[in-house]
Amino acid sequence: MSATATDSGHDDAGKGSDGLIIRILGEGQYDVSADALTHLNELDSAVEAAIEADDEATFRPALVALLDGVRTVGVAHAADSLDESDLILPPDDASIEEVRELLADDGLIPG
């Protein structure tokens, strides 16, 4: 899900050169290593499939799983940091329509 991807062009020491800063709207930023992206892409695929099928019953748990995945594999980014997010994900209470509007061709997490 490429909710919103930005090309910040920064090499933040906290996230490393091969990681991403992922923001969950209304919650905060997480430093996520590139190694974790395969797992997150799998979770993202489930969200995409639910949206394509317009399946609200599957969508909600899939979105929550994706966001929980970011929280689990990521490390909270310093709250006082002004670093741009590489990806922006919707909050877990976002509607299927709101997330549909955020989707890019690659999903919320590109790759």
C-alpha atoms as a PDB file:
ATOM      1  CA  MET A   1       0.000   0.000   0.000  1.00  0.00           C
ATOM      2  CA  SER A   2       1.714   3.067  -0.984  1.00  0.00           C
ATOM      3  CA  ALA A   3      -0.613   5.130   1.085  1.00  0.00           C
ATOM      4  CA  THR A   4       1.487   8.129   0.519  1.00  0.00           C
ATOM      5  CA  ALA A   5       5.126   7.691  -0.316  1.00  0.00           C
ATOM      6  CA  THR A   6       7.495  10.597  -0.110  1.00  0.00           C
ATOM      7  CA  ASP A   7      11.037  10.839  -1.345  1.00  0.00           C
ATOM      8  CA  SER A   8      12.602  12.544   1.614  1.00  0.00           C
ATOM      9  CA  GLY A   9      16.141  11.879   0.429  1.00  0.00           C
ATOM     10  CA  HIS A  10      17.456  11.748   3.972  1.00  0.00           C
ATOM     11  CA  ASP A  11      19.776   9.243   5.591  1.00  0.00           C
ATOM     12  CA  ASP A  12      18.568   9.290   9.158  1.00  0.00           C
ATOM     13  CA  ALA A  13      21.002   7.681  11.574  1.00  0.00           C
ATOM     14  CA  GLY A  14      18.121   6.280  13.613  1.00  0.00           C
ATOM     15  CA  LYS A  15      16.609   4.322  10.749  1.00  0.00           C
ATOM     16  CA  GLY A  16      19.730   3.534   8.787  1.00  0.00           C
ATOM     17  CA  SER A  17      20.269   3.939   5.085  1.00  0.00           C
ATOM     18  CA  ASP A  18      18.252   0.854   4.147  1.00  0.00           C
ATOM     19  CA  GLY A  19      15.168   1.502   6.245  1.00  0.00           C
ATOM     20  CA  LEU A  20      12.054   3.604   6.067  1.00  0.00           C
ATOM     21  CA  ILE A  21      10.224   5.963   8.333  1.00  0.00           C
ATOM     22  CA  ILE A  22       6.568   4.923   8.295  1.00  0.00           C
ATOM     23  CA  ARG A  23       3.917   7.200   9.798  1.00  0.00           C
ATOM     24  CA  ILE A  24       0.610   5.851  11.036  1.00  0.00           C
ATOM     25  CA  LEU A  25      -1.741   8.829  10.897  1.00  0.00           C
ATOM     26  CA  GLY A  26      -2.818  10.015  14.317  1.00  0.00           C
ATOM     27  CA  GLU A  27      -0.224   7.865  16.031  1.00  0.00           C
ATOM     28  CA  GLY A  28       3.370   8.615  15.095  1.00  0.00           C
ATOM     29  CA  GLN A  29       6.366   7.454  13.117  1.00  0.00           C
ATOM     30  CA  TYR A  30       8.216   4.141  13.169  1.00  0.00           C
ATOM     31  CA  ASP A  31      11.688   3.283  11.891  1.00  0.00           C
ATOM     32  CA  VAL A  32      11.343   0.062   9.884  1.00  0.00           C
ATOM     33  CA  SER A  33      14.273  -1.880   8.460  1.00  0.00           C
ATOM     34  CA  ALA A  34      14.292  -2.903   4.816  1.00  0.00           C
ATOM     35  CA  ASP A  35      14.407  -6.533   5.966  1.00  0.00           C
ATOM     36  CA  ALA A  36      10.886  -6.190   7.398  1.00  0.00           C
ATOM     37  CA  LEU A  37       9.334  -4.922   4.174  1.00  0.00           C
ATOM     38  CA  THR A  38       8.673  -8.391   2.723  1.00  0.00           C
ATOM     39  CA  HIS A  39       6.486  -9.258   5.705  1.00  0.00           C
ATOM     40  CA  LEU A  40       4.723  -5.893   5.566  1.00  0.00           C
ATOM     41  CA  ASN A  41       4.109  -6.316   1.824  1.00  0.00           C
ATOM     42  CA  GLU A  42       2.372  -9.639   2.548  1.00  0.00           C
ATOM     43  CA  LEU A  43       0.095  -7.903   5.065  1.00  0.00           C
ATOM     44  CA  ASP A  44      -0.435  -5.067   2.581  1.00  0.00           C
ATOM     45  CA  SER A  45      -1.516  -7.544  -0.101  1.00  0.00           C
ATOM     46  CA  ALA A  46      -4.335  -8.732   2.162  1.00  0.00           C
ATOM     47  CA  VAL A  47      -5.540  -5.134   2.573  1.00  0.00           C
ATOM     48  CA  GLU A  48      -5.406  -4.591  -1.193  1.00  0.00           C
ATOM     49  CA  ALA A  49      -7.322  -7.806  -1.885  1.00  0.00           C
ATOM     50  CA  ALA A  50     -10.063  -6.817   0.569  1.00  0.00           C
ATOM     51  CA  ILE A  51     -10.379  -3.392  -1.039  1.00  0.00           C
ATOM     52  CA  GLU A  52     -10.478  -4.832  -4.562  1.00  0.00           C
ATOM     53  CA  ALA A  53     -13.225  -7.238  -3.457  1.00  0.00           C
ATOM     54  CA  ASP A  54     -14.989  -4.423  -1.584  1.00  0.00           C
ATOM     55  CA  ASP A  55     -15.027  -6.785   1.405  1.00  0.00           C
ATOM     56  CA  GLU A  56     -15.417  -4.719   4.578  1.00  0.00           C
ATOM     57  CA  ALA A  57     -15.421  -7.829   6.805  1.00  0.00           C
ATOM     58  CA  THR A  58     -11.952  -8.813   5.551  1.00  0.00           C
ATOM     59  CA  PHE A  59     -10.665  -5.264   5.158  1.00  0.00           C
ATOM     60  CA  ARG A  60     -10.800  -4.203   8.821  1.00  0.00           C
ATOM     61  CA  PRO A  61      -8.767  -7.118  10.264  1.00  0.00           C
ATOM     62  CA  ALA A  62      -6.305  -6.885   7.356  1.00  0.00           C
ATOM     63  CA  LEU A  63      -5.689  -3.170   7.977  1.00  0.00           C
ATOM     64  CA  VAL A  64      -5.299  -3.727  11.716  1.00  0.00           C
ATOM     65  CA  ALA A  65      -2.813  -6.564  11.007  1.00  0.00           C
ATOM     66  CA  LEU A  66      -0.769  -4.303   8.710  1.00  0.00           C
ATOM     67  CA  LEU A  67      -0.611  -1.511  11.270  1.00  0.00           C
ATOM     68  CA  ASP A  68       0.200  -3.987  14.054  1.00  0.00           C
ATOM     69  CA  GLY A  69       2.949  -5.346  11.799  1.00  0.00           C
ATOM     70  CA  VAL A  70       4.489  -1.876  11.499  1.00  0.00           C
ATOM     71  CA  ARG A  71       4.256  -1.412  15.275  1.00  0.00           C
ATOM     72  CA  THR A  72       5.850  -4.827  15.869  1.00  0.00           C
ATOM     73  CA  VAL A  73       8.779  -4.645  13.431  1.00  0.00           C
ATOM     74  CA  GLY A  74       9.298  -0.910  13.761  1.00  0.00           C
ATOM     75  CA  VAL A  75      10.904   1.164  16.467  1.00  0.00           C
ATOM     76  CA  ALA A  76       9.187   4.355  17.549  1.00  0.00           C
ATOM     77  CA  HIS A  77      10.834   7.326  15.818  1.00  0.00           C
ATOM     78  CA  ALA A  78      11.768  10.215  18.102  1.00  0.00           C
ATOM     79  CA  ALA A  79       8.597  12.231  18.704  1.00  0.00           C
ATOM     80  CA  ASP A  80      10.494  15.526  18.559  1.00  0.00           C
ATOM     81  CA  SER A  81      12.118  14.643  15.221  1.00  0.00           C
ATOM     82  CA  LEU A  82      11.239  16.677  12.150  1.00  0.00           C
ATOM     83  CA  ASP A  83      12.191  13.878   9.728  1.00  0.00           C
ATOM     84  CA  GLU A  84       9.786  13.340   6.849  1.00  0.00           C
ATOM     85  CA  SER A  85       7.965  10.042   6.600  1.00  0.00           C
ATOM     86  CA  ASP A  86       8.809   7.784   3.668  1.00  0.00           C
ATOM     87  CA  LEU A  87       5.338   6.203   3.826  1.00  0.00           C
ATOM     88  CA  ILE A  88       2.114   7.331   5.427  1.00  0.00           C
ATOM     89  CA  LEU A  89      -0.485   4.769   6.465  1.00  0.00           C
ATOM     90  CA  PRO A  90      -4.073   5.415   7.490  1.00  0.00           C
ATOM     91  CA  PRO A  91      -5.252   4.986  11.076  1.00  0.00           C
ATOM     92  CA  ASP A  92      -6.887   1.683  12.006  1.00  0.00           C
ATOM     93  CA  ASP A  93     -10.335   3.286  12.023  1.00  0.00           C
ATOM     94  CA  ALA A  94     -10.071   4.473   8.396  1.00  0.00           C
ATOM     95  CA  SER A  95     -12.904   3.422   6.124  1.00  0.00           C
ATOM     96  CA  ILE A  96     -12.398   1.185   3.125  1.00  0.00           C
ATOM     97  CA  GLU A  97     -13.129   4.198   0.885  1.00  0.00           C
ATOM     98  CA  GLU A  98     -10.531   6.374   2.644  1.00  0.00           C
ATOM     99  CA  VAL A  99      -7.882   3.695   2.196  1.00  0.00           C
ATOM    100  CA  ARG A 100      -8.910   3.099  -1.416  1.00  0.00           C
ATOM    101  CA  GLU A 101      -8.136   6.783  -2.089  1.00  0.00           C
ATOM    102  CA  LEU A 102      -4.645   6.376  -0.593  1.00  0.00           C
ATOM    103  CA  LEU A 103      -3.710   3.297  -2.587  1.00  0.00           C
ATOM    104  CA  ALA A 104      -1.098   3.494  -5.300  1.00  0.00           C
ATOM    105  CA  ASP A 105      -0.478   0.817  -7.902  1.00  0.00           C
ATOM    106  CA  ASP A 106       1.909  -0.914  -5.492  1.00  0.00           C
ATOM    107  CA  GLY A 107      -0.424  -0.823  -2.490  1.00  0.00           C
ATOM    108  CA  LEU A 108       0.244   1.114   0.695  1.00  0.00           C
ATOM    109  CA  ILE A 109       3.724  -0.402   1.030  1.00  0.00           C
ATOM    110  CA  PRO A 110       5.541  -0.275  -2.342  1.00  0.00           C
ATOM    111  CA  GLY A 111       7.495  -3.319  -3.377  1.00  0.00           C
END
